[in-house]
Each structure stands twice: as structure tokens, then as C-alpha cells.
N, C-alpha and C. Protein backbone atom coordinates (compact mmCIF):
# COMPACT_ATOMS: atom_id res chain seq x y z
N MET A 1 64.68 23.38 -29.35
CA MET A 1 65.87 22.56 -29.16
C MET A 1 65.95 22.00 -27.74
N HIS A 2 65.05 22.37 -26.89
CA HIS A 2 65.11 21.97 -25.50
C HIS A 2 64.49 20.61 -25.24
N VAL A 3 63.89 20.02 -26.26
CA VAL A 3 63.19 18.75 -26.08
C VAL A 3 64.16 17.60 -25.83
N LEU A 4 65.30 17.63 -26.47
CA LEU A 4 66.25 16.52 -26.38
C LEU A 4 67.47 16.91 -25.53
N SER A 5 68.04 15.91 -24.90
CA SER A 5 69.27 16.14 -24.13
C SER A 5 70.44 16.27 -25.10
N ILE A 6 71.54 16.78 -24.60
CA ILE A 6 72.74 16.95 -25.45
C ILE A 6 73.22 15.60 -25.98
N PRO A 7 73.31 14.55 -25.15
CA PRO A 7 73.74 13.26 -25.71
C PRO A 7 72.81 12.75 -26.83
N THR A 8 71.51 13.01 -26.67
CA THR A 8 70.58 12.58 -27.72
C THR A 8 70.80 13.40 -28.99
N TRP A 9 71.05 14.69 -28.85
CA TRP A 9 71.36 15.52 -30.02
C TRP A 9 72.62 15.02 -30.72
N VAL A 10 73.62 14.66 -29.93
CA VAL A 10 74.86 14.16 -30.52
C VAL A 10 74.57 12.91 -31.36
N ILE A 11 73.77 12.02 -30.83
CA ILE A 11 73.42 10.80 -31.57
C ILE A 11 72.67 11.14 -32.85
N HIS A 12 71.70 12.05 -32.76
CA HIS A 12 70.92 12.43 -33.94
C HIS A 12 71.81 13.06 -35.02
N ILE A 13 72.64 13.98 -34.62
CA ILE A 13 73.51 14.66 -35.58
C ILE A 13 74.53 13.69 -36.17
N LEU A 14 75.09 12.84 -35.34
CA LEU A 14 76.04 11.86 -35.85
C LEU A 14 75.37 10.87 -36.81
N SER A 15 74.11 10.58 -36.58
CA SER A 15 73.38 9.70 -37.49
C SER A 15 73.28 10.31 -38.88
N VAL A 16 72.97 11.61 -38.94
CA VAL A 16 72.90 12.30 -40.24
C VAL A 16 74.28 12.27 -40.91
N LEU A 17 75.30 12.60 -40.15
CA LEU A 17 76.66 12.59 -40.70
C LEU A 17 77.10 11.19 -41.12
N GLU A 18 76.71 10.21 -40.32
CA GLU A 18 77.06 8.81 -40.62
C GLU A 18 76.49 8.38 -41.97
N TRP A 19 75.22 8.74 -42.22
CA TRP A 19 74.62 8.39 -43.51
C TRP A 19 75.35 9.08 -44.65
N MET A 20 75.72 10.36 -44.45
CA MET A 20 76.45 11.09 -45.50
C MET A 20 77.78 10.41 -45.81
N VAL A 21 78.51 10.06 -44.78
CA VAL A 21 79.82 9.42 -44.97
C VAL A 21 79.64 8.04 -45.61
N ALA A 22 78.65 7.29 -45.15
CA ALA A 22 78.42 5.95 -45.71
C ALA A 22 78.06 6.03 -47.19
N ILE A 23 77.21 6.97 -47.55
CA ILE A 23 76.84 7.14 -48.96
C ILE A 23 78.08 7.48 -49.78
N TRP A 24 78.90 8.40 -49.28
CA TRP A 24 80.12 8.78 -49.99
C TRP A 24 81.08 7.59 -50.11
N LEU A 25 81.23 6.81 -49.04
CA LEU A 25 82.14 5.66 -49.08
C LEU A 25 81.66 4.60 -50.08
N VAL A 26 80.36 4.34 -50.09
CA VAL A 26 79.83 3.34 -51.03
C VAL A 26 80.01 3.83 -52.46
N TRP A 27 79.75 5.11 -52.70
CA TRP A 27 79.94 5.68 -54.04
C TRP A 27 81.42 5.58 -54.45
N SER A 28 82.31 5.90 -53.52
CA SER A 28 83.75 5.80 -53.79
C SER A 28 84.16 4.37 -54.08
N TYR A 29 83.57 3.42 -53.35
CA TYR A 29 83.87 2.01 -53.59
C TYR A 29 83.41 1.61 -54.99
N ALA A 30 82.27 2.14 -55.43
CA ALA A 30 81.79 1.85 -56.79
C ALA A 30 82.81 2.31 -57.82
N ASP A 31 83.37 3.49 -57.61
CA ASP A 31 84.38 3.99 -58.54
C ASP A 31 85.66 3.16 -58.47
N ALA A 32 86.11 2.86 -57.26
CA ALA A 32 87.36 2.11 -57.09
C ALA A 32 87.26 0.69 -57.62
N SER A 33 86.10 0.06 -57.41
CA SER A 33 85.93 -1.32 -57.87
C SER A 33 85.45 -1.42 -59.32
N GLN A 34 85.14 -0.25 -59.89
CA GLN A 34 84.59 -0.18 -61.25
C GLN A 34 83.34 -1.05 -61.37
N ASN A 35 82.55 -1.06 -60.32
CA ASN A 35 81.30 -1.81 -60.28
C ASN A 35 80.17 -0.81 -60.03
N PRO A 36 79.49 -0.38 -61.12
CA PRO A 36 78.45 0.63 -60.97
C PRO A 36 77.25 0.18 -60.15
N ALA A 37 77.11 -1.10 -59.91
CA ALA A 37 75.99 -1.58 -59.08
C ALA A 37 76.07 -0.98 -57.68
N TRP A 38 77.26 -0.70 -57.21
CA TRP A 38 77.41 -0.09 -55.88
C TRP A 38 76.89 1.33 -55.85
N LYS A 39 76.87 2.01 -57.00
CA LYS A 39 76.28 3.35 -57.03
C LYS A 39 74.78 3.26 -56.78
N GLY A 40 74.17 2.19 -57.23
CA GLY A 40 72.75 1.96 -56.92
C GLY A 40 72.54 1.84 -55.43
N MET A 41 73.46 1.19 -54.75
CA MET A 41 73.36 1.07 -53.30
C MET A 41 73.48 2.44 -52.64
N ALA A 42 74.42 3.25 -53.12
CA ALA A 42 74.59 4.59 -52.56
C ALA A 42 73.32 5.43 -52.75
N ILE A 43 72.73 5.35 -53.92
CA ILE A 43 71.49 6.09 -54.18
C ILE A 43 70.36 5.55 -53.31
N ALA A 44 70.33 4.24 -53.11
CA ALA A 44 69.29 3.62 -52.28
C ALA A 44 69.40 4.05 -50.82
N MET A 45 70.55 4.55 -50.40
CA MET A 45 70.75 4.98 -49.02
C MET A 45 70.20 6.40 -48.76
N VAL A 46 69.96 7.15 -49.82
CA VAL A 46 69.54 8.55 -49.67
C VAL A 46 68.23 8.70 -48.88
N PRO A 47 67.19 7.88 -49.13
CA PRO A 47 65.97 8.06 -48.33
C PRO A 47 66.19 7.91 -46.82
N ALA A 48 67.08 7.03 -46.41
CA ALA A 48 67.37 6.89 -44.98
C ALA A 48 68.04 8.15 -44.44
N TRP A 49 68.88 8.76 -45.25
CA TRP A 49 69.53 10.02 -44.87
C TRP A 49 68.48 11.13 -44.74
N VAL A 50 67.55 11.18 -45.69
CA VAL A 50 66.47 12.18 -45.63
C VAL A 50 65.63 11.96 -44.37
N SER A 51 65.37 10.71 -44.03
CA SER A 51 64.62 10.40 -42.83
C SER A 51 65.31 10.96 -41.59
N ALA A 52 66.61 10.80 -41.51
CA ALA A 52 67.38 11.31 -40.38
C ALA A 52 67.32 12.83 -40.32
N ILE A 53 67.38 13.49 -41.47
CA ILE A 53 67.30 14.95 -41.51
C ILE A 53 65.92 15.42 -41.03
N CYS A 54 64.87 14.72 -41.45
CA CYS A 54 63.51 15.09 -41.04
C CYS A 54 63.36 15.07 -39.52
N VAL A 55 63.81 14.02 -38.90
CA VAL A 55 63.64 13.92 -37.44
C VAL A 55 64.48 14.98 -36.73
N CYS A 56 65.67 15.25 -37.22
CA CYS A 56 66.49 16.29 -36.59
C CYS A 56 65.84 17.67 -36.75
N THR A 57 65.28 17.92 -37.92
CA THR A 57 64.61 19.21 -38.16
C THR A 57 63.44 19.39 -37.21
N TRP A 58 62.62 18.36 -37.07
CA TRP A 58 61.45 18.46 -36.20
C TRP A 58 61.87 18.70 -34.75
N HIS A 59 62.86 17.96 -34.30
CA HIS A 59 63.35 18.14 -32.93
C HIS A 59 63.99 19.52 -32.73
N PHE A 60 64.67 20.00 -33.76
CA PHE A 60 65.32 21.32 -33.66
C PHE A 60 64.29 22.40 -33.34
N PHE A 61 63.10 22.25 -33.89
CA PHE A 61 62.03 23.21 -33.63
C PHE A 61 61.09 22.75 -32.51
N ASP A 62 61.66 22.02 -31.55
CA ASP A 62 60.95 21.58 -30.34
C ASP A 62 59.65 20.83 -30.64
N ASN A 63 59.71 19.98 -31.65
CA ASN A 63 58.55 19.15 -32.02
C ASN A 63 57.29 20.00 -32.21
N ALA A 64 57.44 21.12 -32.88
CA ALA A 64 56.32 22.04 -33.10
C ALA A 64 55.17 21.33 -33.80
N PRO A 65 53.96 21.49 -33.30
CA PRO A 65 52.80 20.84 -33.92
C PRO A 65 52.63 21.21 -35.39
N THR A 66 53.04 22.41 -35.77
CA THR A 66 52.93 22.81 -37.18
C THR A 66 53.88 22.03 -38.09
N LEU A 67 54.86 21.40 -37.49
CA LEU A 67 55.82 20.59 -38.26
C LEU A 67 55.60 19.09 -38.04
N ALA A 68 54.47 18.74 -37.47
CA ALA A 68 54.20 17.31 -37.21
C ALA A 68 54.22 16.49 -38.49
N TRP A 69 53.95 17.13 -39.63
CA TRP A 69 53.99 16.42 -40.91
C TRP A 69 55.38 15.84 -41.18
N LEU A 70 56.41 16.42 -40.58
CA LEU A 70 57.76 15.87 -40.75
C LEU A 70 57.85 14.45 -40.20
N GLY A 71 57.05 14.16 -39.19
CA GLY A 71 57.02 12.79 -38.66
C GLY A 71 56.53 11.80 -39.70
N MET A 72 55.53 12.22 -40.48
CA MET A 72 55.01 11.35 -41.55
C MET A 72 56.04 11.21 -42.68
N VAL A 73 56.70 12.31 -43.01
CA VAL A 73 57.75 12.26 -44.04
C VAL A 73 58.88 11.34 -43.56
N GLN A 74 59.25 11.47 -42.29
CA GLN A 74 60.32 10.64 -41.73
C GLN A 74 59.95 9.17 -41.79
N ALA A 75 58.73 8.85 -41.39
CA ALA A 75 58.28 7.45 -41.42
C ALA A 75 58.23 6.93 -42.85
N THR A 76 57.74 7.76 -43.76
CA THR A 76 57.66 7.35 -45.17
C THR A 76 59.06 7.12 -45.74
N MET A 77 59.97 8.03 -45.44
CA MET A 77 61.34 7.88 -45.95
C MET A 77 62.03 6.66 -45.35
N THR A 78 61.72 6.34 -44.11
CA THR A 78 62.28 5.12 -43.51
C THR A 78 61.77 3.90 -44.27
N PHE A 79 60.47 3.86 -44.55
CA PHE A 79 59.90 2.74 -45.31
C PHE A 79 60.48 2.68 -46.71
N VAL A 80 60.50 3.81 -47.40
CA VAL A 80 61.06 3.86 -48.76
C VAL A 80 62.53 3.45 -48.74
N GLY A 81 63.27 3.96 -47.75
CA GLY A 81 64.69 3.62 -47.63
C GLY A 81 64.91 2.14 -47.40
N ASN A 82 64.09 1.54 -46.56
CA ASN A 82 64.21 0.09 -46.34
C ASN A 82 63.94 -0.68 -47.63
N CYS A 83 62.95 -0.23 -48.38
CA CYS A 83 62.62 -0.90 -49.65
C CYS A 83 63.74 -0.71 -50.68
N THR A 84 64.26 0.51 -50.79
CA THR A 84 65.32 0.74 -51.78
C THR A 84 66.61 0.01 -51.40
N LEU A 85 66.89 -0.07 -50.11
CA LEU A 85 68.08 -0.82 -49.69
C LEU A 85 67.92 -2.31 -49.94
N LEU A 86 66.71 -2.82 -49.72
CA LEU A 86 66.44 -4.22 -50.04
C LEU A 86 66.65 -4.47 -51.53
N TRP A 87 66.10 -3.60 -52.36
CA TRP A 87 66.24 -3.75 -53.80
C TRP A 87 67.71 -3.67 -54.22
N ALA A 88 68.45 -2.69 -53.69
CA ALA A 88 69.86 -2.53 -54.05
C ALA A 88 70.69 -3.73 -53.62
N ALA A 89 70.41 -4.25 -52.44
CA ALA A 89 71.14 -5.44 -51.97
C ALA A 89 70.83 -6.63 -52.85
N TRP A 90 69.56 -6.79 -53.23
CA TRP A 90 69.18 -7.89 -54.12
C TRP A 90 69.88 -7.73 -55.47
N TRP A 91 69.93 -6.49 -55.99
CA TRP A 91 70.57 -6.23 -57.27
C TRP A 91 72.06 -6.58 -57.21
N LEU A 92 72.72 -6.18 -56.13
CA LEU A 92 74.14 -6.51 -55.98
C LEU A 92 74.34 -8.02 -55.89
N TRP A 93 73.48 -8.70 -55.16
CA TRP A 93 73.57 -10.15 -55.02
C TRP A 93 73.40 -10.84 -56.38
N GLN A 94 72.39 -10.41 -57.13
CA GLN A 94 72.16 -11.00 -58.46
C GLN A 94 73.32 -10.73 -59.40
N ARG A 95 73.82 -9.52 -59.36
CA ARG A 95 74.95 -9.16 -60.23
C ARG A 95 76.18 -9.99 -59.87
N ASN A 96 76.44 -10.17 -58.58
CA ASN A 96 77.58 -10.95 -58.14
C ASN A 96 77.42 -12.42 -58.55
N ARG A 97 76.21 -12.94 -58.41
CA ARG A 97 75.97 -14.34 -58.81
C ARG A 97 76.23 -14.53 -60.30
N SER A 98 75.77 -13.59 -61.13
CA SER A 98 75.97 -13.73 -62.57
C SER A 98 77.44 -13.59 -62.94
N GLU A 99 78.18 -12.72 -62.23
CA GLU A 99 79.61 -12.58 -62.50
C GLU A 99 80.37 -13.84 -62.11
N VAL A 100 80.00 -14.45 -61.00
CA VAL A 100 80.66 -15.69 -60.56
C VAL A 100 80.39 -16.79 -61.57
N ARG A 101 79.15 -16.91 -62.02
CA ARG A 101 78.82 -17.92 -63.04
C ARG A 101 79.61 -17.67 -64.31
N HIS A 102 79.70 -16.39 -64.69
CA HIS A 102 80.41 -16.05 -65.94
C HIS A 102 81.89 -16.44 -65.83
N ARG A 103 82.50 -16.21 -64.67
CA ARG A 103 83.91 -16.55 -64.48
C ARG A 103 84.13 -18.07 -64.56
N HIS A 104 83.16 -18.85 -64.10
CA HIS A 104 83.32 -20.30 -64.11
C HIS A 104 83.04 -20.91 -65.48
N ASP A 105 82.49 -20.12 -66.39
CA ASP A 105 82.22 -20.63 -67.74
C ASP A 105 83.49 -20.76 -68.56
N PHE A 106 84.57 -20.12 -68.15
CA PHE A 106 85.81 -20.16 -68.94
C PHE A 106 86.69 -21.28 -68.55
């Protein structure tokens, strides 16, 4: 735990918490708006949250060489998370476009 300064730890921990809160808020919005497409966005956010957990875990153990594989998991989850968020955003955009078209048909 000595590798990072206290302010850096605060940022890392808040990042993990931020992803948790954001996922919960997006899921809650899906329920409130009765638009299940937003649940896809919440699920798409999970890999980014896992990425944040990986980096915090590795730093917690002072970047131990035996845990260096967490760096690869973190990088992979960041890539996967970016892809899933792109897909979820595209899905929401397409769904919104089709709903707008449907409303104008009447």
C-alpha cells in the first residue's frame, strides 16, 4: 500500500465507488423511465468497474510482481468496457431513433 500517496488512493477508491453509483443510477433510470435499453448501458459499464477494481487490488499489494497479471486483466477490461459502452450507446441511439420515427407516424 506504500506505492501510492493518500490523494492517489482517494482518487482510485472514489473511481471504484463512482462506477458503482453510476451503474446503480443508470439501472434505476431504466426502471423509472420504463426503458430497458438503459439496463444494457448499466451492464455495459460493469467491465470498466472491474478494471478499476483490478488496478486498486494490484496497488493495494504494492504492485507485487506475482500480481502483474492484474495489469493485463485491467487493460483487457478497459478495452472490453470501451467496446461494450460503445455498443450500448449505439443501441440506445438506434432505439431512440426508432421511437421518434414511430411517434411521427401517427
